Amino acid sequence: MIDLGGLPGSSLSEAEGINDAGQVVGFSVVDDVTYATEWSGGSVINLGGLPGSMDSGGSAINDAGRVVGVSDESVVPEPSTWAMMLPGFAGLGLAGYRRAKAGRATFARKVA
């Protein structure tokens, strides 16, 4: 087996696929985060993942150089998601408050 190395600071790297041009894809682990990696022409390339993903890995590469692999989603919402959710939660709270207040309302009766 040939040691291809990995991304700078990697503790583990593994090849998963190779094409006819000798380009190799797989993954490298740096600080407990897994990155999709390509080894091509003597260079080690971080392929990254989807925005917000924590882990990614390359599985195969075709002769045109297109890579297929996986990218896991992060479980932490983006700030823009929180910005949209907070007014929604506030609106639900207000609606619940108004409904509860209306249920306890008393009406005066006209006495003749």
PDB file of N, CA and C in Angstrom:
ATOM      1  N   MET A   1       0.839  -1.170   0.000  1.00  0.00           N
ATOM      2  CA  MET A   1       0.000   0.000   0.000  1.00  0.00           C
ATOM      3  C   MET A   1       0.892   1.243   0.000  1.00  0.00           C
ATOM      4  N   ILE A   2       0.491   2.253  -0.737  1.00  0.00           N
ATOM      5  CA  ILE A   2       1.242   3.494  -0.845  1.00  0.00           C
ATOM      6  C   ILE A   2       0.613   4.539   0.073  1.00  0.00           C
ATOM      7  N   ASP A   3       1.434   5.193   0.882  1.00  0.00           N
ATOM      8  CA  ASP A   3       0.946   6.264   1.745  1.00  0.00           C
ATOM      9  C   ASP A   3       0.876   7.535   0.914  1.00  0.00           C
ATOM     10  N   LEU A   4      -0.345   8.029   0.687  1.00  0.00           N
ATOM     11  CA  LEU A   4      -0.538   9.236  -0.111  1.00  0.00           C
ATOM     12  C   LEU A   4      -0.414  10.500   0.721  1.00  0.00           C
ATOM     13  N   GLY A   5      -0.347  10.366   2.038  1.00  0.00           N
ATOM     14  CA  GLY A   5      -0.377  11.542   2.895  1.00  0.00           C
ATOM     15  C   GLY A   5      -1.801  12.028   3.020  1.00  0.00           C
ATOM     16  N   GLY A   6      -1.986  13.158   3.600  1.00  0.00           N
ATOM     17  CA  GLY A   6      -3.327  13.715   3.773  1.00  0.00           C
ATOM     18  C   GLY A   6      -3.253  15.220   3.823  1.00  0.00           C
ATOM     19  N   LEU A   7      -4.350  15.829   4.198  1.00  0.00           N
ATOM     20  CA  LEU A   7      -4.369  17.276   4.363  1.00  0.00           C
ATOM     21  C   LEU A   7      -3.430  17.664   5.504  1.00  0.00           C
ATOM     22  N   PRO A   8      -2.917  18.877   5.511  1.00  0.00           N
ATOM     23  CA  PRO A   8      -2.031  19.302   6.590  1.00  0.00           C
ATOM     24  C   PRO A   8      -2.700  19.111   7.959  1.00  0.00           C
ATOM     25  N   GLY A   9      -1.983  18.469   8.884  1.00  0.00           N
ATOM     26  CA  GLY A   9      -2.506  18.228  10.225  1.00  0.00           C
ATOM     27  C   GLY A   9      -3.396  17.015  10.355  1.00  0.00           C
ATOM     28  N   SER A  10      -3.519  16.226   9.284  1.00  0.00           N
ATOM     29  CA  SER A  10      -4.420  15.068   9.342  1.00  0.00           C
ATOM     30  C   SER A  10      -3.821  13.954  10.198  1.00  0.00           C
ATOM     31  N   SER A  11      -4.713  13.274  10.928  1.00  0.00           N
ATOM     32  CA  SER A  11      -4.303  12.138  11.750  1.00  0.00           C
ATOM     33  C   SER A  11      -4.580  10.828  11.035  1.00  0.00           C
ATOM     34  N   LEU A  12      -5.401  10.872   9.984  1.00  0.00           N
ATOM     35  CA  LEU A  12      -5.773   9.678   9.230  1.00  0.00           C
ATOM     36  C   LEU A  12      -6.217  10.109   7.851  1.00  0.00           C
ATOM     37  N   SER A  13      -5.870   9.337   6.850  1.00  0.00           N
ATOM     38  CA  SER A  13      -6.393   9.567   5.504  1.00  0.00           C
ATOM     39  C   SER A  13      -6.557   8.219   4.831  1.00  0.00           C
ATOM     40  N   GLU A  14      -7.536   8.158   3.923  1.00  0.00           N
ATOM     41  CA  GLU A  14      -7.811   6.892   3.244  1.00  0.00           C
ATOM     42  C   GLU A  14      -8.314   7.165   1.836  1.00  0.00           C
ATOM     43  N   ALA A  15      -7.801   6.386   0.878  1.00  0.00           N
ATOM     44  CA  ALA A  15      -8.242   6.479  -0.514  1.00  0.00           C
ATOM     45  C   ALA A  15      -9.455   5.586  -0.707  1.00  0.00           C
ATOM     46  N   GLU A  16     -10.421   6.078  -1.485  1.00  0.00           N
ATOM     47  CA  GLU A  16     -11.647   5.318  -1.742  1.00  0.00           C
ATOM     48  C   GLU A  16     -11.842   5.003  -3.221  1.00  0.00           C
ATOM     49  N   GLY A  17     -11.340   5.855  -4.108  1.00  0.00           N
ATOM     50  CA  GLY A  17     -11.554   5.632  -5.535  1.00  0.00           C
ATOM     51  C   GLY A  17     -10.439   6.228  -6.359  1.00  0.00           C
ATOM     52  N   ILE A  18     -10.252   5.688  -7.574  1.00  0.00           N
ATOM     53  CA  ILE A  18      -9.210   6.170  -8.486  1.00  0.00           C
ATOM     54  C   ILE A  18      -9.742   6.097  -9.915  1.00  0.00           C
ATOM     55  N   ASN A  19      -9.307   7.034 -10.772  1.00  0.00           N
ATOM     56  CA  ASN A  19      -9.697   6.979 -12.180  1.00  0.00           C
ATOM     57  C   ASN A  19      -8.491   6.617 -13.046  1.00  0.00           C
ATOM     58  N   ASP A  20      -8.701   6.528 -14.354  1.00  0.00           N
ATOM     59  CA  ASP A  20      -7.635   6.126 -15.275  1.00  0.00           C
ATOM     60  C   ASP A  20      -6.489   7.135 -15.352  1.00  0.00           C
ATOM     61  N   ALA A  21      -6.743   8.398 -14.979  1.00  0.00           N
ATOM     62  CA  ALA A  21      -5.705   9.433 -15.008  1.00  0.00           C
ATOM     63  C   ALA A  21      -4.851   9.412 -13.739  1.00  0.00           C
ATOM     64  N   GLY A  22      -5.208   8.546 -12.790  1.00  0.00           N
ATOM     65  CA  GLY A  22      -4.441   8.445 -11.552  1.00  0.00           C
ATOM     66  C   GLY A  22      -4.890   9.398 -10.463  1.00  0.00           C
ATOM     67  N   GLN A  23      -6.010  10.087 -10.668  1.00  0.00           N
ATOM     68  CA  GLN A  23      -6.557  10.948  -9.621  1.00  0.00           C
ATOM     69  C   GLN A  23      -7.242  10.055  -8.587  1.00  0.00           C
ATOM     70  N   VAL A  24      -6.998  10.332  -7.323  1.00  0.00           N
ATOM     71  CA  VAL A  24      -7.512   9.513  -6.232  1.00  0.00           C
ATOM     72  C   VAL A  24      -8.389  10.378  -5.331  1.00  0.00           C
ATOM     73  N   VAL A  25      -9.500   9.820  -4.849  1.00  0.00           N
ATOM     74  CA  VAL A  25     -10.352  10.529  -3.888  1.00  0.00           C
ATOM     75  C   VAL A  25     -10.558   9.670  -2.651  1.00  0.00           C
ATOM     76  N   GLY A  26     -10.864  10.339  -1.558  1.00  0.00           N
ATOM     77  CA  GLY A  26     -11.116   9.664  -0.298  1.00  0.00           C
ATOM     78  C   GLY A  26     -11.378  10.699   0.766  1.00  0.00           C
ATOM     79  N   PHE A  27     -10.744  10.524   1.943  1.00  0.00           N
ATOM     80  CA  PHE A  27     -10.963  11.473   3.022  1.00  0.00           C
ATOM     81  C   PHE A  27      -9.712  11.622   3.875  1.00  0.00           C
ATOM     82  N   SER A  28      -9.653  12.727   4.592  1.00  0.00           N
ATOM     83  CA  SER A  28      -8.610  13.008   5.581  1.00  0.00           C
ATOM     84  C   SER A  28      -9.305  13.495   6.843  1.00  0.00           C
ATOM     85  N   VAL A  29      -8.806  13.074   7.998  1.00  0.00           N
ATOM     86  CA  VAL A  29      -9.369  13.505   9.280  1.00  0.00           C
ATOM     87  C   VAL A  29      -8.407  14.505   9.908  1.00  0.00           C
ATOM     88  N   VAL A  30      -8.915  15.704  10.171  1.00  0.00           N
ATOM     89  CA  VAL A  30      -8.141  16.766  10.817  1.00  0.00           C
ATOM     90  C   VAL A  30      -8.949  17.256  12.014  1.00  0.00           C
ATOM     91  N   ASP A  31      -8.389  17.131  13.221  1.00  0.00           N
ATOM     92  CA  ASP A  31      -9.067  17.578  14.452  1.00  0.00           C
ATOM     93  C   ASP A  31     -10.481  16.991  14.559  1.00  0.00           C
ATOM     94  N   ASP A  32     -10.613  15.703  14.337  1.00  0.00           N
ATOM     95  CA  ASP A  32     -11.882  14.966  14.442  1.00  0.00           C
ATOM     96  C   ASP A  32     -12.943  15.395  13.431  1.00  0.00           C
ATOM     97  N   VAL A  33     -12.580  16.113  12.391  1.00  0.00           N
ATOM     98  CA  VAL A  33     -13.489  16.470  11.304  1.00  0.00           C
ATOM     99  C   VAL A  33     -12.980  15.784  10.046  1.00  0.00           C
ATOM    100  N   THR A  34     -13.877  15.142   9.311  1.00  0.00           N
ATOM    101  CA  THR A  34     -13.514  14.400   8.103  1.00  0.00           C
ATOM    102  C   THR A  34     -13.762  15.258   6.864  1.00  0.00           C
ATOM    103  N   TYR A  35     -12.751  15.386   6.020  1.00  0.00           N
ATOM    104  CA  TYR A  35     -12.825  16.209   4.812  1.00  0.00           C
ATOM    105  C   TYR A  35     -12.662  15.349   3.566  1.00  0.00           C
ATOM    106  N   ALA A  36     -13.526  15.570   2.562  1.00  0.00           N
ATOM    107  CA  ALA A  36     -13.342  14.923   1.263  1.00  0.00           C
ATOM    108  C   ALA A  36     -12.015  15.422   0.689  1.00  0.00           C
ATOM    109  N   THR A  37     -11.212  14.481   0.191  1.00  0.00           N
ATOM    110  CA  THR A  37      -9.860  14.816  -0.253  1.00  0.00           C
ATOM    111  C   THR A  37      -9.578  14.222  -1.625  1.00  0.00           C
ATOM    112  N   GLU A  38      -8.830  14.964  -2.443  1.00  0.00           N
ATOM    113  CA  GLU A  38      -8.381  14.464  -3.749  1.00  0.00           C
ATOM    114  C   GLU A  38      -6.866  14.554  -3.795  1.00  0.00           C
ATOM    115  N   TRP A  39      -6.268  13.489  -4.301  1.00  0.00           N
ATOM    116  CA  TRP A  39      -4.834  13.460  -4.553  1.00  0.00           C
ATOM    117  C   TRP A  39      -4.675  13.478  -6.064  1.00  0.00           C
ATOM    118  N   SER A  40      -4.042  14.530  -6.599  1.00  0.00           N
ATOM    119  CA  SER A  40      -3.946  14.689  -8.047  1.00  0.00           C
ATOM    120  C   SER A  40      -2.662  15.429  -8.399  1.00  0.00           C
ATOM    121  N   GLY A  41      -1.857  14.863  -9.259  1.00  0.00           N
ATOM    122  CA  GLY A  41      -0.638  15.513  -9.736  1.00  0.00           C
ATOM    123  C   GLY A  41       0.321  15.895  -8.620  1.00  0.00           C
ATOM    124  N   GLY A  42       0.397  15.098  -7.576  1.00  0.00           N
ATOM    125  CA  GLY A  42       1.292  15.381  -6.463  1.00  0.00           C
ATOM    126  C   GLY A  42       0.730  16.348  -5.432  1.00  0.00           C
ATOM    127  N   SER A  43      -0.481  16.831  -5.646  1.00  0.00           N
ATOM    128  CA  SER A  43      -1.112  17.762  -4.704  1.00  0.00           C
ATOM    129  C   SER A  43      -2.198  17.061  -3.900  1.00  0.00           C
ATOM    130  N   VAL A  44      -2.412  17.542  -2.676  1.00  0.00           N
ATOM    131  CA  VAL A  44      -3.505  17.074  -1.831  1.00  0.00           C
ATOM    132  C   VAL A  44      -4.512  18.212  -1.767  1.00  0.00           C
ATOM    133  N   ILE A  45      -5.750  17.938  -2.202  1.00  0.00           N
ATOM    134  CA  ILE A  45      -6.765  18.987  -2.342  1.00  0.00           C
ATOM    135  C   ILE A  45      -7.936  18.707  -1.403  1.00  0.00           C
ATOM    136  N   ASN A  46      -8.330  19.711  -0.622  1.00  0.00           N
ATOM    137  CA  ASN A  46      -9.510  19.617   0.226  1.00  0.00           C
ATOM    138  C   ASN A  46     -10.726  19.926  -0.637  1.00  0.00           C
ATOM    139  N   LEU A  47     -11.602  18.935  -0.859  1.00  0.00           N
ATOM    140  CA  LEU A  47     -12.789  19.129  -1.680  1.00  0.00           C
ATOM    141  C   LEU A  47     -13.932  19.757  -0.904  1.00  0.00           C
ATOM    142  N   GLY A  48     -13.824  19.773   0.430  1.00  0.00           N
ATOM    143  CA  GLY A  48     -14.871  20.378   1.242  1.00  0.00           C
ATOM    144  C   GLY A  48     -16.144  19.549   1.240  1.00  0.00           C
ATOM    145  N   GLY A  49     -17.252  20.198   1.525  1.00  0.00           N
ATOM    146  CA  GLY A  49     -18.555  19.540   1.579  1.00  0.00           C
ATOM    147  C   GLY A  49     -19.644  20.571   1.379  1.00  0.00           C
ATOM    148  N   LEU A  50     -20.865  20.204   1.692  1.00  0.00           N
ATOM    149  CA  LEU A  50     -21.979  21.132   1.596  1.00  0.00           C
ATOM    150  C   LEU A  50     -21.822  22.219   2.653  1.00  0.00           C
ATOM    151  N   PRO A  51     -22.378  23.418   2.406  1.00  0.00           N
ATOM    152  CA  PRO A  51     -22.280  24.478   3.407  1.00  0.00           C
ATOM    153  C   PRO A  51     -22.854  24.009   4.749  1.00  0.00           C
ATOM    154  N   GLY A  52     -22.110  24.210   5.798  1.00  0.00           N
ATOM    155  CA  GLY A  52     -22.559  23.815   7.120  1.00  0.00           C
ATOM    156  C   GLY A  52     -22.303  22.367   7.477  1.00  0.00           C
ATOM    157  N   SER A  53     -21.694  21.610   6.574  1.00  0.00           N
ATOM    158  CA  SER A  53     -21.462  20.196   6.865  1.00  0.00           C
ATOM    159  C   SER A  53     -20.277  20.026   7.802  1.00  0.00           C
ATOM    160  N   MET A  54     -20.332  18.997   8.612  1.00  0.00           N
ATOM    161  CA  MET A  54     -19.243  18.708   9.537  1.00  0.00           C
ATOM    162  C   MET A  54     -18.296  17.650   8.968  1.00  0.00           C
ATOM    163  N   ASP A  55     -18.808  16.701   8.221  1.00  0.00           N
ATOM    164  CA  ASP A  55     -17.996  15.620   7.687  1.00  0.00           C
ATOM    165  C   ASP A  55     -18.324  15.401   6.221  1.00  0.00           C
ATOM    166  N   SER A  56     -17.303  15.061   5.423  1.00  0.00           N
ATOM    167  CA  SER A  56     -17.508  14.737   4.018  1.00  0.00           C
ATOM    168  C   SER A  56     -16.439  13.755   3.589  1.00  0.00           C
ATOM    169  N   GLY A  57     -16.694  13.060   2.488  1.00  0.00           N
ATOM    170  CA  GLY A  57     -15.723  12.107   1.967  1.00  0.00           C
ATOM    171  C   GLY A  57     -15.990  11.794   0.519  1.00  0.00           C
ATOM    172  N   GLY A  58     -14.931  11.611  -0.251  1.00  0.00           N
ATOM    173  CA  GLY A  58     -15.067  11.223  -1.651  1.00  0.00           C
ATOM    174  C   GLY A  58     -15.113   9.715  -1.776  1.00  0.00           C
ATOM    175  N   SER A  59     -15.997   9.205  -2.626  1.00  0.00           N
ATOM    176  CA  SER A  59     -16.153   7.760  -2.796  1.00  0.00           C
ATOM    177  C   SER A  59     -15.607   7.255  -4.125  1.00  0.00           C
ATOM    178  N   ALA A  60     -15.789   8.052  -5.185  1.00  0.00           N
ATOM    179  CA  ALA A  60     -15.350   7.625  -6.518  1.00  0.00           C
ATOM    180  C   ALA A  60     -15.096   8.864  -7.369  1.00  0.00           C
ATOM    181  N   ILE A  61     -14.300   8.683  -8.420  1.00  0.00           N
ATOM    182  CA  ILE A  61     -14.007   9.765  -9.360  1.00  0.00           C
ATOM    183  C   ILE A  61     -14.001   9.179 -10.767  1.00  0.00           C
ATOM    184  N   ASN A  62     -14.693   9.847 -11.701  1.00  0.00           N
ATOM    185  CA  ASN A  62     -14.707   9.327 -13.068  1.00  0.00           C
ATOM    186  C   ASN A  62     -13.560   9.917 -13.881  1.00  0.00           C
ATOM    187  N   ASP A  63     -13.435   9.493 -15.136  1.00  0.00           N
ATOM    188  CA  ASP A  63     -12.313   9.937 -15.962  1.00  0.00           C
ATOM    189  C   ASP A  63     -12.391  11.414 -16.328  1.00  0.00           C
ATOM    190  N   ALA A  64     -13.567  12.029 -16.170  1.00  0.00           N
ATOM    191  CA  ALA A  64     -13.702  13.468 -16.406  1.00  0.00           C
ATOM    192  C   ALA A  64     -13.315  14.268 -15.157  1.00  0.00           C
ATOM    193  N   GLY A  65     -13.011  13.583 -14.050  1.00  0.00           N
ATOM    194  CA  GLY A  65     -12.609  14.249 -12.818  1.00  0.00           C
ATOM    195  C   GLY A  65     -13.752  14.628 -11.900  1.00  0.00           C
ATOM    196  N   ARG A  66     -14.952  14.111 -12.179  1.00  0.00           N
ATOM    197  CA  ARG A  66     -16.103  14.406 -11.318  1.00  0.00           C
ATOM    198  C   ARG A  66     -16.133  13.425 -10.158  1.00  0.00           C
ATOM    199  N   VAL A  67     -16.315  13.982  -8.972  1.00  0.00           N
ATOM    200  CA  VAL A  67     -16.258  13.190  -7.745  1.00  0.00           C
ATOM    201  C   VAL A  67     -17.662  12.986  -7.184  1.00  0.00           C
ATOM    202  N   VAL A  68     -17.907  11.796  -6.674  1.00  0.00           N
ATOM    203  CA  VAL A  68     -19.144  11.517  -5.951  1.00  0.00           C
ATOM    204  C   VAL A  68     -18.744  11.110  -4.540  1.00  0.00           C
ATOM    205  N   GLY A  69     -19.566  11.493  -3.571  1.00  0.00           N
ATOM    206  CA  GLY A  69     -19.243  11.175  -2.189  1.00  0.00           C
ATOM    207  C   GLY A  69     -20.385  11.531  -1.270  1.00  0.00           C
ATOM    208  N   VAL A  70     -20.059  11.769  -0.007  1.00  0.00           N
ATOM    209  CA  VAL A  70     -21.071  12.085   1.001  1.00  0.00           C
ATOM    210  C   VAL A  70     -20.684  13.373   1.724  1.00  0.00           C
ATOM    211  N   SER A  71     -21.695  14.039   2.270  1.00  0.00           N
ATOM    212  CA  SER A  71     -21.492  15.226   3.080  1.00  0.00           C
ATOM    213  C   SER A  71     -22.612  15.277   4.103  1.00  0.00           C
ATOM    214  N   ASP A  72     -22.245  15.233   5.385  1.00  0.00           N
ATOM    215  CA  ASP A  72     -23.244  15.244   6.448  1.00  0.00           C
ATOM    216  C   ASP A  72     -23.623  16.665   6.799  1.00  0.00           C
ATOM    217  N   GLU A  73     -24.908  16.847   7.121  1.00  0.00           N
ATOM    218  CA  GLU A  73     -25.391  18.152   7.537  1.00  0.00           C
ATOM    219  C   GLU A  73     -25.022  18.437   8.973  1.00  0.00           C
ATOM    220  N   SER A  74     -24.807  19.677   9.239  1.00  0.00           N
ATOM    221  CA  SER A  74     -24.581  20.113  10.614  1.00  0.00           C
ATOM    222  C   SER A  74     -25.916  20.155  11.343  1.00  0.00           C
ATOM    223  N   VAL A  75     -25.898  19.921  12.645  1.00  0.00           N
ATOM    224  CA  VAL A  75     -27.133  19.956  13.419  1.00  0.00           C
ATOM    225  C   VAL A  75     -27.376  21.340  14.022  1.00  0.00           C
ATOM    226  N   VAL A  76     -26.478  22.282  13.792  1.00  0.00           N
ATOM    227  CA  VAL A  76     -26.630  23.627  14.329  1.00  0.00           C
ATOM    228  C   VAL A  76     -27.225  24.518  13.245  1.00  0.00           C
ATOM    229  N   PRO A  77     -28.406  25.130  13.509  1.00  0.00           N
ATOM    230  CA  PRO A  77     -28.997  26.010  12.492  1.00  0.00           C
ATOM    231  C   PRO A  77     -28.115  27.220  12.207  1.00  0.00           C
ATOM    232  N   GLU A  78     -28.180  27.696  10.992  1.00  0.00           N
ATOM    233  CA  GLU A  78     -27.441  28.888  10.593  1.00  0.00           C
ATOM    234  C   GLU A  78     -28.081  30.116  11.233  1.00  0.00           C
ATOM    235  N   PRO A  79     -27.343  31.206  11.409  1.00  0.00           N
ATOM    236  CA  PRO A  79     -27.909  32.409  12.015  1.00  0.00           C
ATOM    237  C   PRO A  79     -29.157  32.921  11.292  1.00  0.00           C
ATOM    238  N   SER A  80     -29.175  32.816   9.971  1.00  0.00           N
ATOM    239  CA  SER A  80     -30.357  33.289   9.235  1.00  0.00           C
ATOM    240  C   SER A  80     -31.583  32.443   9.559  1.00  0.00           C
ATOM    241  N   THR A  81     -31.384  31.162   9.845  1.00  0.00           N
ATOM    242  CA  THR A  81     -32.508  30.297  10.229  1.00  0.00           C
ATOM    243  C   THR A  81     -33.068  30.750  11.571  1.00  0.00           C
ATOM    244  N   TRP A  82     -32.181  31.031  12.534  1.00  0.00           N
ATOM    245  CA  TRP A  82     -32.637  31.532  13.841  1.00  0.00           C
ATOM    246  C   TRP A  82     -33.374  32.855  13.657  1.00  0.00           C
ATOM    247  N   ALA A  83     -32.877  33.716  12.782  1.00  0.00           N
ATOM    248  CA  ALA A  83     -33.504  35.016  12.565  1.00  0.00           C
ATOM    249  C   ALA A  83     -34.940  34.867  12.052  1.00  0.00           C
ATOM    250  N   MET A  84     -35.218  33.814  11.309  1.00  0.00           N
ATOM    251  CA  MET A  84     -36.583  33.587  10.821  1.00  0.00           C
ATOM    252  C   MET A  84     -37.436  32.857  11.857  1.00  0.00           C
ATOM    253  N   MET A  85     -36.824  31.969  12.654  1.00  0.00           N
ATOM    254  CA  MET A  85     -37.587  31.177  13.616  1.00  0.00           C
ATOM    255  C   MET A  85     -38.021  31.992  14.830  1.00  0.00           C
ATOM    256  N   LEU A  86     -37.181  32.888  15.337  1.00  0.00           N
ATOM    257  CA  LEU A  86     -37.501  33.624  16.559  1.00  0.00           C
ATOM    258  C   LEU A  86     -38.781  34.454  16.458  1.00  0.00           C
ATOM    259  N   PRO A  87     -39.001  35.231  15.386  1.00  0.00           N
ATOM    260  CA  PRO A  87     -40.286  35.944  15.290  1.00  0.00           C
ATOM    261  C   PRO A  87     -41.478  34.978  15.215  1.00  0.00           C
ATOM    262  N   GLY A  88     -41.275  33.821  14.591  1.00  0.00           N
ATOM    263  CA  GLY A  88     -42.351  32.828  14.537  1.00  0.00           C
ATOM    264  C   GLY A  88     -42.708  32.304  15.913  1.00  0.00           C
ATOM    265  N   PHE A  89     -41.682  32.018  16.726  1.00  0.00           N
ATOM    266  CA  PHE A  89     -41.934  31.562  18.099  1.00  0.00           C
ATOM    267  C   PHE A  89     -42.617  32.650  18.910  1.00  0.00           C
ATOM    268  N   ALA A  90     -42.180  33.899  18.734  1.00  0.00           N
ATOM    269  CA  ALA A  90     -42.801  35.015  19.453  1.00  0.00           C
ATOM    270  C   ALA A  90     -44.261  35.157  19.060  1.00  0.00           C
ATOM    271  N   GLY A  91     -44.559  35.006  17.778  1.00  0.00           N
ATOM    272  CA  GLY A  91     -45.948  35.077  17.309  1.00  0.00           C
ATOM    273  C   GLY A  91     -46.804  33.969  17.891  1.00  0.00           C
ATOM    274  N   LEU A  92     -46.268  32.760  17.960  1.00  0.00           N
ATOM    275  CA  LEU A  92     -47.018  31.654  18.561  1.00  0.00           C
ATOM    276  C   LEU A  92     -47.273  31.908  20.046  1.00  0.00           C
ATOM    277  N   GLY A  93     -46.271  32.440  20.738  1.00  0.00           N
ATOM    278  CA  GLY A  93     -46.447  32.762  22.154  1.00  0.00           C
ATOM    279  C   GLY A  93     -47.517  33.817  22.357  1.00  0.00           C
ATOM    280  N   LEU A  94     -47.518  34.867  21.536  1.00  0.00           N
ATOM    281  CA  LEU A  94     -48.514  35.919  21.628  1.00  0.00           C
ATOM    282  C   LEU A  94     -49.909  35.372  21.340  1.00  0.00           C
ATOM    283  N   ALA A  95     -50.019  34.529  20.321  1.00  0.00           N
ATOM    284  CA  ALA A  95     -51.329  33.946  19.996  1.00  0.00           C
ATOM    285  C   ALA A  95     -51.833  33.082  21.156  1.00  0.00           C
ATOM    286  N   GLY A  96     -50.957  32.297  21.768  1.00  0.00           N
ATOM    287  CA  GLY A  96     -51.358  31.479  22.912  1.00  0.00           C
ATOM    288  C   GLY A  96     -51.769  32.324  24.095  1.00  0.00           C
ATOM    289  N   TYR A  97     -51.049  33.423  24.334  1.00  0.00           N
ATOM    290  CA  TYR A  97     -51.373  34.334  25.433  1.00  0.00           C
ATOM    291  C   TYR A  97     -52.750  34.963  25.217  1.00  0.00           C
ATOM    292  N   ARG A  98     -53.001  35.439  23.995  1.00  0.00           N
ATOM    293  CA  ARG A  98     -54.286  36.088  23.702  1.00  0.00           C
ATOM    294  C   ARG A  98     -55.440  35.101  23.799  1.00  0.00           C
ATOM    295  N   ARG A  99     -55.195  33.861  23.356  1.00  0.00           N
ATOM    296  CA  ARG A  99     -56.257  32.849  23.439  1.00  0.00           C
ATOM    297  C   ARG A  99     -56.567  32.523  24.902  1.00  0.00           C
ATOM    298  N   ALA A 100     -55.545  32.376  25.710  1.00  0.00           N
ATOM    299  CA  ALA A 100     -55.753  32.073  27.134  1.00  0.00           C
ATOM    300  C   ALA A 100     -56.449  33.230  27.834  1.00  0.00           C
ATOM    301  N   LYS A 101     -56.069  34.456  27.508  1.00  0.00           N
ATOM    302  CA  LYS A 101     -56.677  35.632  28.125  1.00  0.00           C
ATOM    303  C   LYS A 101     -58.155  35.731  27.738  1.00  0.00           C
ATOM    304  N   ALA A 102     -58.479  35.432  26.500  1.00  0.00           N
ATOM    305  CA  ALA A 102     -59.870  35.494  26.033  1.00  0.00           C
ATOM    306  C   ALA A 102     -60.716  34.422  26.712  1.00  0.00           C
ATOM    307  N   GLY A 103     -60.155  33.287  27.017  1.00  0.00           N
ATOM    308  CA  GLY A 103     -60.896  32.200  27.665  1.00  0.00           C
ATOM    309  C   GLY A 103     -61.253  32.518  29.103  1.00  0.00           C
ATOM    310  N   ARG A 104     -60.504  33.398  29.754  1.00  0.00           N
ATOM    311  CA  ARG A 104     -60.757  33.741  31.153  1.00  0.00           C
ATOM    312  C   ARG A 104     -61.537  35.047  31.291  1.00  0.00           C
ATOM    313  N   ALA A 105     -61.906  35.626  30.190  1.00  0.00           N
ATOM    314  CA  ALA A 105     -62.596  36.917  30.249  1.00  0.00           C
ATOM    315  C   ALA A 105     -63.995  36.749  30.834  1.00  0.00           C
ATOM    316  N   THR A 106     -64.437  37.707  31.620  1.00  0.00           N
ATOM    317  CA  THR A 106     -65.791  37.691  32.176  1.00  0.00           C
ATOM    318  C   THR A 106     -66.582  38.815  31.533  1.00  0.00           C
ATOM    319  N   PHE A 107     -67.852  38.567  31.366  1.00  0.00           N
ATOM    320  CA  PHE A 107     -68.715  39.560  30.744  1.00  0.00           C
ATOM    321  C   PHE A 107     -69.722  40.020  31.788  1.00  0.00           C
ATOM    322  N   ALA A 108     -69.917  41.314  31.822  1.00  0.00           N
ATOM    323  CA  ALA A 108     -70.913  41.869  32.759  1.00  0.00           C
ATOM    324  C   ALA A 108     -72.316  41.625  32.196  1.00  0.00           C
ATOM    325  N   ARG A 109     -73.201  41.242  33.099  1.00  0.00           N
ATOM    326  CA  ARG A 109     -74.607  41.066  32.670  1.00  0.00           C
ATOM    327  C   ARG A 109     -75.409  42.294  33.098  1.00  0.00           C
ATOM    328  N   LYS A 110     -76.331  42.630  32.237  1.00  0.00           N
ATOM    329  CA  LYS A 110     -77.194  43.766  32.538  1.00  0.00           C
ATOM    330  C   LYS A 110     -78.274  43.291  33.489  1.00  0.00           C
ATOM    331  N   VAL A 111     -78.382  43.948  34.607  1.00  0.00           N
ATOM    332  CA  VAL A 111     -79.391  43.576  35.585  1.00  0.00           C
ATOM    333  C   VAL A 111     -80.540  44.568  35.455  1.00  0.00           C
ATOM    334  N   ALA A 112     -81.755  44.037  35.388  1.00  0.00           N
ATOM    335  CA  ALA A 112     -82.909  44.912  35.200  1.00  0.00           C
ATOM    336  C   ALA A 112     -83.503  45.373  36.484  1.00  0.00           C
TER     337      ALA A 112
END
